[in-house]
Amino acid sequence: MAREASGYQDIEWFLMQHCMSNHRQIEARDAQILDQLLAIPFNYLPSIAAHSGPFLPQDPDAVRSFVAFVEAQRKEILPIAVCPPSPGEPQEDFEGFKDLLRACRQELSSSRNRSYAAWEEHFINSMVHCIEKKFVKMAVENNVYLAKLAEQAERYEEMVECMKNVASADQELSVEERNLLSVAYKNVIGARRASWRIVTSIEQKEESKGNESQVGLIKEYRQKIEAELAKICEDILEVLDEHLIKSAQSGESKVFYHKMKGDYHRYLAEFALGDKRKISADKSLEAYKAATEVATTDLAPTHPIRLGLALNFSVFYYEILNSPDQACHLAKQAFDDAIAELDTLSEESYKDSTLIMQLLRDNLTLWTSSEAEPSGGESGAATTETKEAGDAASSAAPAESEKAAE
């Protein structure tokens, strides 16, 4: 776009400089998005002028031009880009721009002694804020869509990256966004946990046979899987601590994220040894307790997230802390509390809640049987991480239900 002879800078150039001065990387596609957001279709000018004051478009046939603002018999140049709408382009709602321009007009009326440079800075800052909000919203929507696409394609690592981008906006996630994040990490971590269990089982069998050469190879392979598990857990724990827990407003969100934090510290404790295992177990216990404190006051006993928390917390006591009595007490208490209020359960959450209640009962049956003993590792107890309830029940490795995490 050509600059005005007076030296006023166009807003697109200013925004680019503003972003770069704040160490924000601008890619070509980002510039295009900014450009689109700044473009006001030319045929909207009369409507905007009716709300904000007279506008005198300069070079109306140009793809980009300045708009002159008339206020108190003087002309002020507002660096707003305008362009005619492209054929077939959907007409966007510019109410936000109308409000912004109306506010600027009021600012001019109340600040006649203000220098133009100061007023221009005020206007630019307002516009930057407006554009950044629109930019963030567009980025979130695009990443959510791509996450859904990646889920359908079963490309869960890419789904994780998309949802990390959404979480980094530092805004409270919607229920859908929260579930997408949970599903993405559940699939990525679930595959490695399953691999670790298989390899560990093979390692134990080879050790019992005295096959030392094979055991060495298996151990090295197991450690590779453990490194992947640790990386995934540390990744989501950082997202939770740096973004999600800080942004959580509702009790439901707080319980969800603290429970998730407890889960991933528990996964670390599953394979860690010595002091590392104790540290992970302590952090998991702390997170589960924080989630329970909020759940007790903010969520009904039949709420799927509260039930899922009780299910996973009880598994933590059984598998990680080797406390079967505490595990059974917690699971039974959650089950009994939910049964007492079953008639208040909404139709929307009935299926999810009753499924988790069944898993709680399955665990109680397993843990109180004469054959069940806590192993400090893989007991086969149900948690809220997979949906394979039928398969698990038939193999004496109780089911896991992701619905509780949703």
Protein backbone atom coordinates (compact mmCIF):
# COMPACT_ATOMS: atom_id res chain seq x y z
CA MET A 1 0.00 0.00 0.00
CA ALA A 2 1.24 3.48 -0.83
CA ARG A 3 1.99 5.73 2.16
CA GLU A 4 0.33 9.13 2.56
CA ALA A 5 2.50 12.12 1.71
CA SER A 6 2.05 13.34 5.28
CA GLY A 7 4.04 10.37 6.51
CA TYR A 8 1.26 8.55 8.30
CA GLN A 9 1.96 4.84 8.45
CA ASP A 10 -0.60 2.30 7.38
CA ILE A 11 -1.87 0.10 10.16
CA GLU A 12 -0.71 -3.13 8.58
CA TRP A 13 2.89 -1.92 8.59
CA PHE A 14 2.51 -0.65 12.14
CA LEU A 15 1.15 -3.97 13.37
CA MET A 16 4.01 -5.85 11.78
CA GLN A 17 6.49 -3.57 13.55
CA HIS A 18 4.52 -3.85 16.79
CA CYS A 19 4.54 -7.64 16.71
CA MET A 20 8.21 -7.86 15.78
CA SER A 21 9.21 -5.42 18.50
CA ASN A 22 7.55 -7.78 20.95
CA HIS A 23 9.62 -10.68 19.62
CA ARG A 24 6.63 -12.31 17.99
CA GLN A 25 7.45 -14.27 14.89
CA ILE A 26 5.40 -13.31 11.87
CA GLU A 27 5.08 -15.89 9.14
CA ALA A 28 3.65 -15.21 5.70
CA ARG A 29 0.34 -16.86 6.58
CA ASP A 30 0.08 -14.76 9.76
CA ALA A 31 0.50 -11.59 7.71
CA GLN A 32 -2.29 -12.74 5.42
CA ILE A 33 -4.60 -13.32 8.38
CA LEU A 34 -3.82 -9.90 9.80
CA ASP A 35 -4.43 -8.40 6.38
CA GLN A 36 -7.82 -10.07 6.09
CA LEU A 37 -8.87 -8.99 9.56
CA LEU A 38 -7.97 -5.39 8.80
CA ALA A 39 -9.82 -5.27 5.50
CA ILE A 40 -13.16 -3.46 5.68
CA PRO A 41 -15.31 -4.07 2.58
CA PHE A 42 -15.84 -0.76 0.85
CA ASN A 43 -19.62 -1.12 0.76
CA TYR A 44 -19.69 -1.17 4.57
CA LEU A 45 -18.40 2.39 4.84
CA PRO A 46 -21.81 4.11 4.64
CA SER A 47 -23.12 1.94 7.46
CA ILE A 48 -20.03 2.52 9.57
CA ALA A 49 -20.15 6.25 8.88
CA ALA A 50 -23.74 6.37 10.12
CA HIS A 51 -22.55 5.09 13.49
CA SER A 52 -19.17 6.73 13.74
CA GLY A 53 -19.21 9.97 11.79
CA PRO A 54 -18.52 11.06 8.20
CA PHE A 55 -15.86 9.19 6.26
CA LEU A 56 -14.19 10.38 3.09
CA PRO A 57 -12.59 7.43 1.31
CA GLN A 58 -9.43 8.26 -0.57
CA ASP A 59 -8.83 6.43 -3.87
CA PRO A 60 -11.93 4.24 -3.50
CA ASP A 61 -10.89 1.98 -6.38
CA ALA A 62 -7.63 1.04 -4.72
CA VAL A 63 -7.32 -2.30 -3.02
CA ARG A 64 -6.05 -0.50 0.09
CA SER A 65 -6.55 3.15 1.00
CA PHE A 66 -6.83 5.52 3.93
CA VAL A 67 -10.04 6.90 5.35
CA ALA A 68 -10.38 10.54 6.35
CA PHE A 69 -12.25 11.31 9.56
CA VAL A 70 -14.01 14.67 9.83
CA GLU A 71 -14.39 15.99 13.36
CA ALA A 72 -15.04 19.62 14.37
CA GLN A 73 -14.18 21.01 10.94
CA ARG A 74 -10.79 19.37 10.87
CA LYS A 75 -9.52 16.32 9.11
CA GLU A 76 -7.73 13.51 10.94
CA ILE A 77 -6.27 10.55 9.13
CA LEU A 78 -7.13 7.17 10.59
CA PRO A 79 -4.88 4.44 9.22
CA ILE A 80 -7.64 1.94 8.50
CA ALA A 81 -7.38 -0.28 5.45
CA VAL A 82 -10.45 -0.58 3.24
CA CYS A 83 -11.09 -2.70 0.20
CA PRO A 84 -13.98 -3.77 -1.98
CA PRO A 85 -15.29 -7.26 -1.12
CA SER A 86 -14.08 -10.04 -3.37
CA PRO A 87 -16.71 -11.74 -5.56
CA GLY A 88 -18.43 -14.47 -3.59
CA GLU A 89 -16.70 -13.48 -0.35
CA PRO A 90 -18.98 -13.87 2.70
CA GLN A 91 -19.91 -10.59 4.34
CA GLU A 92 -18.42 -10.40 7.82
CA ASP A 93 -19.90 -8.67 10.81
CA PHE A 94 -18.03 -5.47 11.59
CA GLU A 95 -19.93 -4.46 14.71
CA GLY A 96 -16.66 -4.64 16.65
CA PHE A 97 -15.06 -2.14 14.29
CA LYS A 98 -18.10 0.13 14.54
CA ASP A 99 -17.86 0.13 18.31
CA LEU A 100 -14.16 0.83 18.15
CA LEU A 101 -14.57 3.74 15.76
CA ARG A 102 -17.43 5.13 17.81
CA ALA A 103 -15.20 5.04 20.88
CA CYS A 104 -12.46 6.83 18.96
CA ARG A 105 -14.88 9.56 17.95
CA GLN A 106 -15.86 10.07 21.59
CA GLU A 107 -12.19 10.15 22.51
CA LEU A 108 -11.59 12.95 20.01
CA SER A 109 -14.53 14.95 21.33
CA SER A 110 -13.33 14.74 24.93
CA SER A 111 -9.63 15.23 24.22
CA ARG A 112 -9.34 18.22 21.90
CA ASN A 113 -6.07 19.32 23.45
CA ARG A 114 -4.55 15.91 23.01
CA SER A 115 -1.77 15.81 20.44
CA TYR A 116 -2.52 13.85 17.34
CA ALA A 117 0.49 11.60 17.98
CA ALA A 118 -0.86 10.65 21.42
CA TRP A 119 -4.36 10.09 20.06
CA GLU A 120 -2.99 7.99 17.19
CA GLU A 121 -1.08 5.84 19.68
CA HIS A 122 -4.28 5.36 21.68
CA PHE A 123 -6.18 4.37 18.56
CA ILE A 124 -3.47 2.02 17.35
CA ASN A 125 -3.28 0.28 20.73
CA SER A 126 -7.04 -0.19 20.70
CA MET A 127 -6.94 -1.58 17.18
CA VAL A 128 -4.02 -3.88 18.02
CA HIS A 129 -6.00 -5.29 20.95
CA CYS A 130 -9.04 -5.80 18.73
CA ILE A 131 -7.00 -7.54 16.05
CA GLU A 132 -5.12 -9.73 18.51
CA LYS A 133 -8.40 -10.97 20.00
CA LYS A 134 -9.70 -11.85 16.56
CA PHE A 135 -6.39 -13.45 15.63
CA VAL A 136 -6.34 -15.62 18.77
CA LYS A 137 -9.95 -16.68 18.22
CA MET A 138 -9.23 -17.67 14.64
CA ALA A 139 -6.10 -19.58 15.66
CA VAL A 140 -8.01 -21.49 18.35
CA GLU A 141 -10.83 -22.41 15.98
CA ASN A 142 -8.38 -23.62 13.34
CA ASN A 143 -6.44 -25.73 15.83
CA VAL A 144 -9.61 -27.29 17.25
CA TYR A 145 -10.72 -28.24 13.74
CA LEU A 146 -7.30 -29.71 12.93
CA ALA A 147 -7.34 -31.63 16.22
CA LYS A 148 -10.65 -33.23 15.26
CA LEU A 149 -9.24 -34.04 11.84
CA ALA A 150 -6.12 -35.59 13.38
CA GLU A 151 -8.30 -37.66 15.72
CA GLN A 152 -10.28 -39.06 12.81
CA ALA A 153 -7.02 -39.89 11.04
CA GLU A 154 -5.64 -41.41 14.27
CA ARG A 155 -2.64 -39.07 14.15
CA TYR A 156 -2.62 -38.41 17.86
CA GLU A 157 0.80 -36.77 18.14
CA GLU A 158 -0.43 -34.05 15.77
CA MET A 159 -3.68 -33.85 17.71
CA VAL A 160 -1.63 -33.19 20.83
CA GLU A 161 0.26 -30.34 19.14
CA CYS A 162 -2.99 -28.71 17.98
CA MET A 163 -4.49 -28.83 21.46
CA LYS A 164 -1.28 -27.52 23.03
CA ASN A 165 -1.67 -24.49 20.76
CA VAL A 166 -5.24 -24.06 22.01
CA ALA A 167 -4.15 -24.36 25.64
CA SER A 168 -1.37 -21.79 25.15
CA ALA A 169 -4.00 -19.09 24.51
CA ASP A 170 -4.43 -18.99 28.31
CA GLN A 171 -8.21 -18.99 28.08
CA GLU A 172 -10.52 -21.42 29.84
CA LEU A 173 -11.18 -24.29 27.46
CA SER A 174 -14.69 -25.27 26.49
CA VAL A 175 -15.90 -28.77 27.39
CA GLU A 176 -15.24 -29.87 23.81
CA GLU A 177 -11.72 -28.44 23.81
CA ARG A 178 -11.00 -29.97 27.19
CA ASN A 179 -12.11 -33.39 26.00
CA LEU A 180 -10.06 -33.12 22.81
CA LEU A 181 -6.97 -32.36 24.88
CA SER A 182 -7.66 -35.33 27.16
CA VAL A 183 -8.31 -37.72 24.27
CA ALA A 184 -5.16 -36.60 22.44
CA TYR A 185 -2.84 -37.23 25.37
CA LYS A 186 -4.75 -40.36 26.44
CA ASN A 187 -4.06 -42.00 23.09
CA VAL A 188 -0.43 -40.91 22.94
CA ILE A 189 0.34 -42.05 26.49
CA GLY A 190 -1.94 -45.09 26.30
CA ALA A 191 -0.01 -46.66 23.44
CA ARG A 192 3.28 -46.33 25.33
CA ARG A 193 1.82 -47.62 28.59
CA ALA A 194 0.51 -50.68 26.79
CA SER A 195 3.92 -51.22 25.16
CA TRP A 196 5.66 -50.85 28.51
CA ARG A 197 3.42 -53.47 30.13
CA ILE A 198 4.02 -55.96 27.33
CA VAL A 199 7.79 -55.47 27.29
CA THR A 200 7.99 -55.62 31.10
CA SER A 201 6.06 -58.89 31.09
CA ILE A 202 8.39 -60.37 28.46
CA GLU A 203 11.42 -59.17 30.43
CA GLN A 204 10.19 -60.94 33.55
CA LYS A 205 9.61 -64.18 31.64
CA GLU A 206 13.08 -64.09 30.10
CA GLU A 207 14.63 -63.39 33.49
CA SER A 208 12.89 -66.42 34.95
CA LYS A 209 14.36 -68.52 32.12
CA GLY A 210 17.84 -67.15 32.72
CA ASN A 211 18.22 -65.71 29.21
CA GLU A 212 20.63 -62.93 30.17
CA SER A 213 21.48 -61.81 26.62
CA GLN A 214 17.81 -61.31 25.74
CA VAL A 215 17.13 -59.62 29.07
CA GLY A 216 19.80 -57.02 28.31
CA LEU A 217 18.19 -56.17 24.97
CA ILE A 218 14.72 -56.07 26.47
CA LYS A 219 15.86 -53.81 29.31
CA GLU A 220 17.36 -51.34 26.86
CA TYR A 221 14.14 -51.35 24.83
CA ARG A 222 12.03 -50.89 27.97
CA GLN A 223 14.13 -47.89 28.99
CA LYS A 224 13.53 -46.35 25.57
CA ILE A 225 9.77 -46.64 26.11
CA GLU A 226 10.12 -45.20 29.60
CA ALA A 227 11.95 -42.17 28.20
CA GLU A 228 9.05 -41.60 25.79
CA LEU A 229 6.55 -41.98 28.63
CA ALA A 230 8.45 -39.48 30.77
CA LYS A 231 8.60 -36.94 27.94
CA ILE A 232 4.85 -37.16 27.29
CA CYS A 233 4.00 -36.87 30.99
CA GLU A 234 6.32 -33.91 31.51
CA ASP A 235 4.84 -32.25 28.42
CA ILE A 236 1.21 -32.36 29.58
CA LEU A 237 2.17 -31.54 33.17
CA GLU A 238 3.85 -28.36 31.92
CA VAL A 239 0.74 -27.44 29.91
CA LEU A 240 -1.42 -28.02 32.98
CA ASP A 241 0.77 -25.97 35.33
CA GLU A 242 1.62 -23.13 32.95
CA HIS A 243 -1.74 -22.66 31.25
CA LEU A 244 -4.78 -24.78 32.09
CA ILE A 245 -4.91 -24.78 35.88
CA LYS A 246 -4.18 -21.04 35.98
CA SER A 247 -6.99 -20.32 33.50
CA ALA A 248 -9.58 -22.64 35.07
CA GLN A 249 -12.61 -20.77 36.41
CA SER A 250 -15.34 -23.37 36.94
CA GLY A 251 -15.19 -26.04 39.60
CA GLU A 252 -15.62 -28.67 36.91
CA SER A 253 -12.53 -27.45 35.06
CA LYS A 254 -10.46 -27.29 38.23
CA VAL A 255 -11.35 -30.86 39.17
CA PHE A 256 -10.70 -32.04 35.62
CA TYR A 257 -7.22 -30.51 35.43
CA HIS A 258 -6.08 -31.46 38.94
CA LYS A 259 -7.29 -35.01 38.31
CA MET A 260 -5.40 -35.02 35.03
CA LYS A 261 -2.30 -33.80 36.84
CA GLY A 262 -2.66 -36.61 39.36
CA ASP A 263 -3.07 -39.15 36.56
CA TYR A 264 0.11 -38.19 34.72
CA HIS A 265 2.22 -38.09 37.87
CA ARG A 266 0.79 -41.55 38.59
CA TYR A 267 1.92 -42.75 35.17
CA LEU A 268 5.43 -41.54 35.99
CA ALA A 269 5.31 -43.40 39.30
CA GLU A 270 4.31 -46.61 37.52
CA PHE A 271 7.81 -47.13 36.12
CA ALA A 272 10.01 -44.81 38.19
CA LEU A 273 12.28 -46.18 40.93
CA GLY A 274 13.62 -44.93 44.24
CA ASP A 275 13.39 -41.21 44.98
CA LYS A 276 11.90 -40.44 41.55
CA ARG A 277 9.01 -42.77 42.26
CA LYS A 278 8.39 -41.18 45.65
CA ILE A 279 8.45 -37.66 44.19
CA SER A 280 5.96 -38.61 41.46
CA ALA A 281 3.73 -40.41 43.96
CA ASP A 282 3.74 -37.42 46.32
CA LYS A 283 2.84 -35.02 43.51
CA SER A 284 0.10 -37.34 42.30
CA LEU A 285 -1.36 -37.58 45.80
CA GLU A 286 -1.25 -33.79 46.17
CA ALA A 287 -3.06 -33.27 42.84
CA TYR A 288 -5.73 -35.87 43.58
CA LYS A 289 -6.37 -34.30 46.99
CA ALA A 290 -6.69 -30.85 45.42
CA ALA A 291 -9.18 -32.21 42.90
CA THR A 292 -11.15 -34.01 45.62
CA GLU A 293 -11.40 -30.85 47.72
CA VAL A 294 -13.01 -28.93 44.85
CA ALA A 295 -15.15 -31.87 43.71
CA THR A 296 -16.65 -32.34 47.17
CA THR A 297 -17.97 -28.78 47.24
CA ASP A 298 -18.65 -28.06 43.55
CA LEU A 299 -19.74 -31.34 41.93
CA ALA A 300 -22.59 -33.72 42.73
CA PRO A 301 -21.68 -37.27 43.83
CA THR A 302 -23.12 -38.52 40.54
CA HIS A 303 -21.10 -36.16 38.35
CA PRO A 304 -18.98 -38.21 35.90
CA ILE A 305 -15.84 -36.17 36.58
CA ARG A 306 -16.18 -36.60 40.36
CA LEU A 307 -16.78 -40.33 39.94
CA GLY A 308 -13.84 -40.62 37.55
CA LEU A 309 -11.65 -38.84 40.07
CA ALA A 310 -12.66 -41.30 42.80
CA LEU A 311 -11.99 -44.21 40.45
CA ASN A 312 -8.48 -43.04 39.54
CA PHE A 313 -7.64 -41.89 43.06
CA SER A 314 -8.58 -45.32 44.44
CA VAL A 315 -6.40 -47.01 41.80
CA PHE A 316 -3.55 -44.74 42.89
CA TYR A 317 -3.92 -45.93 46.47
CA TYR A 318 -4.04 -49.56 45.39
CA GLU A 319 -1.30 -49.64 42.75
CA ILE A 320 1.14 -46.90 43.75
CA LEU A 321 0.81 -46.64 47.54
CA ASN A 322 -0.03 -50.34 48.09
CA SER A 323 -2.96 -49.34 50.32
CA PRO A 324 -5.84 -51.70 49.45
CA ASP A 325 -7.89 -50.71 52.50
CA GLN A 326 -7.75 -47.02 51.59
CA ALA A 327 -8.46 -47.82 47.94
CA CYS A 328 -11.53 -49.88 48.82
CA HIS A 329 -12.80 -47.28 51.28
CA LEU A 330 -12.52 -44.48 48.73
CA ALA A 331 -14.14 -46.49 45.92
CA LYS A 332 -16.99 -47.75 48.15
CA GLN A 333 -17.67 -44.27 49.53
CA ALA A 334 -17.89 -42.79 46.04
CA PHE A 335 -20.16 -45.63 44.88
CA ASP A 336 -22.49 -45.36 47.90
CA ASP A 337 -22.71 -41.56 47.64
CA ALA A 338 -23.66 -41.82 43.98
CA ILE A 339 -26.25 -44.55 44.63
CA ALA A 340 -27.90 -42.36 47.25
CA GLU A 341 -28.48 -39.61 44.67
CA LEU A 342 -29.03 -41.75 41.60
CA ASP A 343 -32.59 -40.47 41.20
CA THR A 344 -31.23 -36.94 40.67
CA LEU A 345 -28.96 -38.02 37.83
CA SER A 346 -29.63 -36.15 34.59
CA GLU A 347 -30.36 -38.07 31.42
CA GLU A 348 -27.38 -36.41 29.77
CA SER A 349 -24.81 -37.91 32.15
CA TYR A 350 -26.67 -41.09 33.13
CA LYS A 351 -24.72 -43.39 30.81
CA ASP A 352 -21.31 -41.97 31.75
CA SER A 353 -21.99 -41.98 35.48
CA THR A 354 -23.43 -45.49 35.65
CA LEU A 355 -20.51 -46.83 33.59
CA ILE A 356 -17.98 -45.44 36.06
CA MET A 357 -20.04 -46.71 38.99
CA GLN A 358 -19.85 -50.17 37.44
CA LEU A 359 -16.07 -49.81 37.17
CA LEU A 360 -15.87 -48.82 40.83
CA ARG A 361 -17.82 -51.92 41.75
CA ASP A 362 -15.64 -54.10 39.50
CA ASN A 363 -12.55 -52.83 41.27
CA LEU A 364 -14.05 -53.46 44.69
CA THR A 365 -14.85 -57.01 43.65
CA LEU A 366 -11.32 -57.56 42.37
CA TRP A 367 -9.58 -55.95 45.33
CA THR A 368 -11.60 -57.82 47.96
CA SER A 369 -11.16 -61.23 46.33
CA SER A 370 -8.72 -63.67 47.92
CA GLU A 371 -6.55 -63.62 44.78
CA ALA A 372 -6.07 -59.87 44.53
CA GLU A 373 -2.93 -58.37 46.03
CA PRO A 374 -1.46 -54.91 45.39
CA SER A 375 1.73 -55.16 43.41
CA GLY A 376 2.88 -51.56 43.41
CA GLY A 377 2.65 -51.64 39.65
CA GLU A 378 0.16 -53.13 37.21
CA SER A 379 -2.76 -54.61 39.13
CA GLY A 380 -5.26 -54.51 36.30
CA ALA A 381 -7.48 -52.11 38.21
CA ALA A 382 -9.91 -49.92 36.34
CA THR A 383 -9.08 -46.27 35.74
CA THR A 384 -10.62 -43.61 33.53
CA GLU A 385 -8.25 -43.87 30.60
CA THR A 386 -9.75 -46.29 28.06
CA LYS A 387 -13.20 -47.44 27.00
CA GLU A 388 -12.40 -51.15 26.81
CA ALA A 389 -14.69 -52.13 29.66
CA GLY A 390 -15.95 -55.37 28.12
CA ASP A 391 -12.51 -56.65 27.14
CA ALA A 392 -11.01 -55.84 30.51
CA ALA A 393 -13.84 -57.42 32.46
CA SER A 394 -13.48 -60.72 30.65
CA SER A 395 -9.73 -60.89 31.26
CA ALA A 396 -9.74 -60.09 35.00
CA ALA A 397 -8.06 -56.77 34.17
CA PRO A 398 -10.86 -54.36 35.03
CA ALA A 399 -11.94 -51.77 32.59
CA GLU A 400 -10.92 -48.21 32.07
CA SER A 401 -13.45 -45.58 31.05
CA GLU A 402 -12.38 -42.41 29.31
CA LYS A 403 -15.87 -41.00 29.77
CA ALA A 404 -15.02 -40.06 33.33
CA ALA A 405 -12.31 -37.80 32.01
CA GLU A 406 -14.78 -36.06 29.79
